[in-house]
């Protein structure tokens, strides 16, 4: 034991063992280091397990109208790849370079091939993500093929809307005339419309133009949503600063999606173009949850 002298100095009494404070401190530091090492090891094991699980999940990503794989969807694709998912970032028929140079059936076949390649590599979970027009086509594909889940990122491009029908009325009539005259396969100039740049001209054939832009096409968003299978998990991403026309109908479109336990609307604080990048973390988390059930 210790006694305190009148001067306040601590004295060691006879028979007391010397203080081993330095030894105790060394032990505390060792225990602390072991604890940190253990925590790091556990974290590494958990992350490794998550990456193994993610490697069993295949994700096909599709850009929007006039887009490209290295455009607005690239940050989303890179994030998913960084999380360990097997990702295919496709250039679809509505890309900047292809300008509807292939049919909707060709688009379906291209997605089929991407998933087939993943399955051959050991993937057993299939998710499809589409941005803007790609979102509408993703919904169409989901009505044609079985999927584990579909993500619609700022879906838009509904060719059945009164607004869009008015914008393209002359070109659709032109396409009808060309087909009637036996010139349906010849290339010509036709009207298109996109929210960020307004009306513009595309060059394709009359048959392909109507295959994409008639009210019977896969881009009839209402009809496409009605064809979604019951029970399909759907994540609907609607940015808070999306185009006014899309925000106006967001609730109506969401109600058209069948009710499922994993039906969800996510509204990130961004605009139409920023949605894929800003929603990447949420999309990855949602896919993990759905894939695990």
Foldseek 3Di string as FASTA:
>chain_A
DWDADPVRDIDDDPPDDDDPVVVVVVVVVVVVVVVVVVVVVVVVVVLVVQLVLQCLEEEEEEEAAQAALCALQVLLQVLSVVSNHHYHYDHACRHVPNNLQDFLVVRLVVVVVSVVVSVVVNHDAYEYEYAACGLLSQLLSLLVDPHLAYERFLHYDQLPDPVNCVQFVVQLVVLVVCVVVVNQQPKDWGWDADDPPGIDITIGGSVSCCCPRPCPHSSNRLVSQLSRDAAHAYEYEAEPAEPPVSVVCVVVSLVSHHDHPRHYYHYHHDYSSNRSNRCSVVVSVSVSVSSVD
